[in-house]
């Protein structure tokens, strides 16, 4: 998996698989993100994707009355189309993580956010917690050098990694999760 769009598609599909398995009552369950329910987590994910997509091109109007899945599909589809567009994907924007092309922002932040929140959603709702191994490796390799920057932007404190931990556990501990 080498391209931004390939990684994005895998991350989007992983989160979507967990989302589609939820019952309405699951959205009120607590998530590993302090103070958030599973519904808050999904809203955050949709909001993050919509915010990045809104940096270029026409802003998506997300219907607040639509289901979580419908809003997620619209938001992720809109961002995918913008990243796939050679002009919009290459547009340089200001972000909390610096000046980046939209495609680079998606590759370096959005994909990682989707991946870790896939685990958060699964944990909150007793779903499948296994993450895509290639995305785990890519995310850890690209996020670990940004340790100080991530903590400055509100990422959780790292937790101790158990001896003999696999790559997913190392990533989750780096991101402040307790697998």
Foldseek 3Di string as FASTA:
>chain_A
DPFLLVLLVQLLVLLLVLVVPDDPVQQQFCWQPPPHGLVNLLVVLLVVLQVLLVQDDDRDDADPPDDSSVSSVVSSVSLSVQCPPPVSQQDWDQDLVGTGRSSVCSSQPSSLSSQLSSQRSCVRRVHDNDTDPVSLVSNCVRCVVVLVSCVVVPFAPAADQDPPDDSNSNSCNSRVHDD
